Amino acid sequence: MHYDVPSGERGVSIEMNAKTTAEDSEPAIQFQNVTYRLDGIVRRGIVNDIRFSVASGQTLVLLGRSGSGKTTLLKLINRLLVPTAGQVIVRGRPTTDWDPIRLRRGIGYVIQDAGLFPHFTVAQNIALVPSLEKWDAARTAARVSELLSLVGLEPAQYRSRRPHELSGGQRQRVGVARALAVDPPILLMDEPFGALDPVTRAELQREFSALARRLGKTIVFVTHDLREALLLASRIILLENGRIIADASPQEFPRIDHPEVQAFTACLTPLPGALA
């Protein structure tokens, strides 16, 4: 499978997705001393004193064990959660200053198993946000065809199918297409390939890596898989118990002298006799 540029007669150029980020000086996302806790339920913060920024066009991978705070950080970016202390700044504005609906429509969100509406066709799923944005039918149909081609699904073959008629990998492709529908500058991806079989997962990882480089979006990607992080990231942040314990490039990350980093890098070593 490969990503094709749709033909000109579809009317909407895929180049609308291409971003020129070299001149962008302001970070796309900033966490400024952010703590989030469930008062009365969890006294210790789920995330604590988090400080980092994400440059425009960067793919940041949030790595960590289950319960380390990765998904909480994603939800703080699109204001599904609000910080207990500190602030999250998206595109120059604190999330609490944004209208939540307008903020979320400017952020694509891809989750595990795609989260497609089962009673919608593929085309209707992809067209959800364009329809909310009052796009006309011709523009919406052109965009659906364009995005299906972008993620390697033939529009004529797949646009009228429903999610139960797709494989797991095809559903994830549709999920990525839906997230890109209105050309958001930011994508949030919460273990999008985690439920797939190993072969399909590896295929989609390679394809997504190429797509991310091509589109130049700002991407925050959650995973507990170091192999996936090393393949996709331009930068890796490792979380443990709600705190950042490592922040490095994929090249630097395996060399960090920290027990939790070493626990993850040990997973890259085959078990004795595994290849015998």
Protein backbone atom coordinates (compact mmCIF):
# COMPACT_ATOMS: atom_id res chain seq x y z
CA MET A 1 0.00 0.00 0.00
CA HIS A 2 1.13 3.57 -0.64
CA TYR A 3 -0.21 7.08 -0.36
CA ASP A 4 -1.36 8.56 -3.63
CA VAL A 5 -1.89 12.21 -4.47
CA PRO A 6 -5.46 12.42 -5.77
CA SER A 7 -5.98 13.55 -9.33
CA GLY A 8 -6.69 17.18 -10.07
CA GLU A 9 -10.31 16.66 -11.02
CA ARG A 10 -11.24 16.03 -7.40
CA GLY A 11 -10.95 19.75 -6.89
CA VAL A 12 -9.11 19.99 -3.56
CA SER A 13 -5.34 19.75 -3.59
CA ILE A 14 -3.74 17.58 -0.94
CA GLU A 15 -1.06 20.28 -0.76
CA MET A 16 -3.45 22.26 1.44
CA ASN A 17 -2.23 19.88 4.13
CA ALA A 18 1.45 20.65 3.59
CA LYS A 19 2.86 22.97 6.26
CA THR A 20 5.83 25.30 6.09
CA THR A 21 7.09 25.26 9.65
CA ALA A 22 10.62 26.61 9.44
CA GLU A 23 9.43 30.17 10.08
CA ASP A 24 7.14 29.26 13.00
CA SER A 25 8.93 30.55 16.10
CA GLU A 26 6.15 30.15 18.66
CA PRO A 27 5.62 26.62 20.00
CA ALA A 28 2.37 25.01 18.90
CA ILE A 29 1.79 23.59 22.39
CA GLN A 30 3.21 24.56 25.77
CA PHE A 31 2.77 23.02 29.22
CA GLN A 32 3.66 25.52 31.93
CA ASN A 33 4.00 23.87 35.36
CA VAL A 34 0.85 21.81 34.82
CA THR A 35 -0.63 19.63 37.53
CA TYR A 36 -3.89 17.72 37.23
CA ARG A 37 -5.57 15.88 40.08
CA LEU A 38 -8.99 14.49 40.85
CA ASP A 39 -9.75 16.31 44.10
CA GLY A 40 -11.35 14.10 46.68
CA ILE A 41 -10.49 10.97 44.70
CA VAL A 42 -6.75 11.08 44.10
CA ARG A 43 -4.73 13.37 46.37
CA ARG A 44 -1.52 12.90 44.42
CA GLY A 45 -1.67 14.54 41.01
CA ILE A 46 -2.19 12.30 38.02
CA VAL A 47 0.39 14.54 36.35
CA ASN A 48 2.63 16.84 38.36
CA ASP A 49 4.49 20.05 37.49
CA ILE A 50 4.72 19.20 33.77
CA ARG A 51 6.81 21.60 31.69
CA PHE A 52 7.54 21.16 28.00
CA SER A 53 6.75 22.68 24.63
CA VAL A 54 6.13 21.20 21.20
CA ALA A 55 7.48 23.02 18.17
CA SER A 56 5.32 23.44 15.07
CA GLY A 57 5.78 20.45 12.79
CA GLN A 58 7.33 18.26 15.47
CA THR A 59 6.22 14.70 16.25
CA LEU A 60 6.41 14.31 20.02
CA VAL A 61 5.93 10.81 21.42
CA LEU A 62 4.73 10.48 25.00
CA LEU A 63 6.09 7.15 26.22
CA GLY A 64 5.33 5.38 29.48
CA ARG A 65 3.71 2.49 31.26
CA SER A 66 -0.04 2.27 31.77
CA GLY A 67 -1.15 4.89 34.28
CA SER A 68 1.88 7.14 33.81
CA GLY A 69 -0.21 10.12 32.67
CA LYS A 70 0.17 9.98 28.87
CA THR A 71 -3.51 10.15 27.92
CA THR A 72 -4.16 12.75 30.62
CA LEU A 73 -1.71 15.07 28.86
CA LEU A 74 -3.53 14.57 25.55
CA LYS A 75 -6.86 15.44 27.16
CA LEU A 76 -5.35 18.57 28.68
CA ILE A 77 -4.29 19.72 25.20
CA ASN A 78 -7.81 19.61 23.75
CA ARG A 79 -9.47 20.71 26.99
CA LEU A 80 -11.26 17.48 27.75
CA LEU A 81 -9.53 18.17 31.07
CA VAL A 82 -8.55 21.49 32.66
CA PRO A 83 -5.35 21.85 34.72
CA THR A 84 -5.61 21.99 38.49
CA ALA A 85 -2.53 24.23 38.44
CA GLY A 86 -0.48 25.81 35.68
CA GLN A 87 -1.67 26.27 32.12
CA VAL A 88 -1.62 24.59 28.74
CA ILE A 89 -1.13 26.96 25.83
CA VAL A 90 -2.25 25.93 22.34
CA ARG A 91 -1.40 28.13 19.36
CA GLY A 92 -0.59 31.06 21.60
CA ARG A 93 -3.64 30.91 23.89
CA PRO A 94 -4.32 29.10 27.17
CA THR A 95 -6.83 26.32 26.61
CA THR A 96 -9.10 27.95 29.19
CA ASP A 97 -9.33 31.03 26.91
CA TRP A 98 -10.46 28.98 23.92
CA ASP A 99 -14.03 28.10 23.14
CA PRO A 100 -13.74 24.33 23.71
CA ILE A 101 -15.59 23.40 20.53
CA ARG A 102 -13.48 25.71 18.38
CA LEU A 103 -10.30 24.42 20.02
CA ARG A 104 -11.21 20.77 19.38
CA ARG A 105 -12.20 21.36 15.78
CA GLY A 106 -8.68 22.66 15.20
CA ILE A 107 -7.14 19.49 16.62
CA GLY A 108 -7.39 16.07 14.96
CA TYR A 109 -7.83 13.17 17.38
CA VAL A 110 -7.12 9.51 16.58
CA ILE A 111 -7.75 6.79 19.16
CA GLN A 112 -7.25 3.05 19.36
CA ASP A 113 -9.60 1.16 17.02
CA ALA A 114 -10.44 4.49 15.33
CA GLY A 115 -13.67 5.21 17.27
CA LEU A 116 -15.78 5.38 14.11
CA PHE A 117 -19.54 5.77 14.34
CA PRO A 118 -20.87 2.30 13.43
CA HIS A 119 -24.10 3.58 11.83
CA PHE A 120 -22.22 6.01 9.54
CA THR A 121 -20.59 5.09 6.26
CA VAL A 122 -16.89 5.69 5.79
CA ALA A 123 -17.67 8.90 3.89
CA GLN A 124 -20.03 10.11 6.61
CA ASN A 125 -17.45 9.43 9.30
CA ILE A 126 -14.77 11.42 7.47
CA ALA A 127 -17.24 14.21 6.66
CA LEU A 128 -18.39 14.68 10.26
CA VAL A 129 -16.43 17.83 11.10
CA PRO A 130 -16.73 19.37 7.59
CA SER A 131 -20.51 19.01 7.93
CA LEU A 132 -20.42 20.71 11.33
CA GLU A 133 -18.36 23.47 9.71
CA LYS A 134 -21.10 23.89 7.06
CA TRP A 135 -19.00 22.83 4.07
CA ASP A 136 -21.05 22.40 0.91
CA ALA A 137 -21.67 18.92 -0.45
CA ALA A 138 -19.29 19.18 -3.41
CA ARG A 139 -16.38 20.39 -1.29
CA THR A 140 -17.03 17.72 1.33
CA ALA A 141 -17.25 14.90 -1.23
CA ALA A 142 -14.00 16.05 -2.87
CA ARG A 143 -12.24 16.15 0.49
CA VAL A 144 -13.47 12.66 1.43
CA SER A 145 -12.15 11.24 -1.84
CA GLU A 146 -8.87 13.06 -1.43
CA LEU A 147 -8.30 11.77 2.08
CA LEU A 148 -9.25 8.19 1.28
CA SER A 149 -6.67 8.22 -1.47
CA LEU A 150 -4.14 9.80 0.88
CA VAL A 151 -4.46 6.92 3.37
CA GLY A 152 -4.43 4.25 0.67
CA LEU A 153 -8.13 3.39 0.35
CA GLU A 154 -9.75 3.58 -3.08
CA PRO A 155 -12.66 6.06 -2.71
CA ALA A 156 -15.07 4.27 -5.03
CA GLN A 157 -14.52 0.98 -3.18
CA TYR A 158 -14.62 2.20 0.43
CA ARG A 159 -16.63 5.42 0.78
CA SER A 160 -20.01 3.63 1.13
CA ARG A 161 -18.84 0.87 3.47
CA ARG A 162 -19.65 0.83 7.17
CA PRO A 163 -17.02 0.24 9.87
CA HIS A 164 -17.99 -3.40 10.45
CA GLU A 165 -17.14 -4.09 6.79
CA LEU A 166 -13.53 -2.95 7.28
CA SER A 167 -10.48 -4.66 8.71
CA GLY A 168 -8.79 -3.19 11.77
CA GLY A 169 -6.10 -1.57 9.66
CA GLN A 170 -8.68 -0.07 7.29
CA ARG A 171 -10.62 1.39 10.22
CA GLN A 172 -7.45 3.05 11.50
CA ARG A 173 -6.80 4.52 8.06
CA VAL A 174 -10.31 5.98 8.08
CA GLY A 175 -9.69 7.30 11.58
CA VAL A 176 -6.58 9.15 10.38
CA ALA A 177 -8.51 10.50 7.38
CA ARG A 178 -11.29 11.77 9.65
CA ALA A 179 -8.75 13.50 11.90
CA LEU A 180 -7.30 15.33 8.88
CA ALA A 181 -10.66 16.30 7.40
CA VAL A 182 -10.58 20.06 8.04
CA ASP A 183 -6.79 20.32 7.82
CA PRO A 184 -6.04 20.86 11.54
CA PRO A 185 -2.53 22.04 12.42
CA ILE A 186 -2.34 19.65 15.40
CA LEU A 187 -2.96 15.89 15.64
CA LEU A 188 -3.36 13.95 18.90
CA MET A 189 -2.95 10.18 18.60
CA ASP A 190 -3.68 7.89 21.55
CA GLU A 191 -2.13 4.47 20.86
CA PRO A 192 -3.82 4.37 17.45
CA PHE A 193 -2.12 1.15 16.33
CA GLY A 194 -2.16 -0.68 19.65
CA ALA A 195 -5.06 -3.04 18.86
CA LEU A 196 -3.72 -4.22 15.50
CA ASP A 197 -1.90 -7.44 14.67
CA PRO A 198 1.90 -7.06 14.53
CA VAL A 199 2.19 -7.13 10.73
CA THR A 200 -0.56 -4.55 10.14
CA ARG A 201 0.78 -2.44 12.98
CA ALA A 202 4.28 -2.34 11.49
CA GLU A 203 2.86 -1.48 8.06
CA LEU A 204 0.80 1.40 9.41
CA GLN A 205 3.70 2.69 11.50
CA ARG A 206 5.90 2.95 8.41
CA GLU A 207 3.16 4.58 6.38
CA PHE A 208 2.27 7.05 9.10
CA SER A 209 5.93 8.01 9.54
CA ALA A 210 6.10 8.93 5.84
CA LEU A 211 2.77 10.75 6.00
CA ALA A 212 3.83 12.78 9.05
CA ARG A 213 7.00 13.93 7.32
CA ARG A 214 5.04 14.91 4.24
CA LEU A 215 2.26 16.86 5.95
CA GLY A 216 4.37 18.63 8.57
CA LYS A 217 1.66 18.60 11.23
CA THR A 218 2.36 19.08 14.91
CA ILE A 219 1.72 15.60 16.35
CA VAL A 220 1.54 14.34 19.92
CA PHE A 221 1.52 10.54 19.86
CA VAL A 222 0.95 8.31 22.91
CA THR A 223 2.44 4.82 23.14
CA HIS A 224 3.95 2.33 25.58
CA ASP A 225 6.00 0.74 22.78
CA LEU A 226 9.60 1.99 22.55
CA ARG A 227 10.06 0.52 19.06
CA GLU A 228 7.11 2.59 17.86
CA ALA A 229 8.47 5.68 19.60
CA LEU A 230 11.91 5.32 18.03
CA LEU A 231 10.39 4.91 14.57
CA LEU A 232 7.89 7.77 14.67
CA ALA A 233 9.26 10.43 16.99
CA SER A 234 11.34 13.48 16.37
CA ARG A 235 11.39 13.71 20.19
CA ILE A 236 10.48 11.36 23.05
CA ILE A 237 9.24 12.26 26.52
CA LEU A 238 9.16 9.41 29.05
CA LEU A 239 6.66 9.65 31.90
CA GLU A 240 6.70 7.79 35.21
CA ASN A 241 4.07 8.31 37.91
CA GLY A 242 2.88 11.53 36.34
CA ARG A 243 6.30 13.16 36.00
CA ILE A 244 8.73 13.65 33.12
CA ILE A 245 11.89 11.64 33.68
CA ALA A 246 13.45 11.84 30.20
CA ASP A 247 13.17 14.18 27.22
CA ALA A 248 15.40 13.38 24.26
CA SER A 249 15.70 12.67 20.56
CA PRO A 250 15.28 9.04 19.40
CA GLN A 251 19.04 8.88 18.87
CA GLU A 252 19.83 10.10 22.40
CA PHE A 253 17.06 8.33 24.29
CA PRO A 254 18.54 4.79 24.55
CA ARG A 255 21.75 6.22 26.03
CA ILE A 256 20.08 7.95 29.00
CA ASP A 257 21.25 6.54 32.33
CA HIS A 258 17.96 6.14 34.21
CA PRO A 259 16.36 2.90 35.50
CA GLU A 260 13.05 3.48 33.71
CA VAL A 261 14.76 4.27 30.41
CA GLN A 262 16.83 1.11 30.83
CA ALA A 263 13.68 -0.90 31.56
CA PHE A 264 12.23 0.22 28.23
CA THR A 265 15.42 -0.29 26.23
CA ALA A 266 15.74 -3.81 27.68
CA CYS A 267 12.51 -4.65 25.85
CA LEU A 268 14.36 -4.16 22.57
CA THR A 269 16.67 -7.11 23.31
CA PRO A 270 15.37 -10.49 22.04
CA LEU A 271 14.88 -13.17 24.66
CA PRO A 272 17.63 -15.83 24.74
CA GLY A 273 16.85 -18.49 22.15
CA ALA A 274 14.06 -16.45 20.56
CA LEU A 275 15.78 -16.44 17.18
CA ALA A 276 17.21 -19.95 17.41
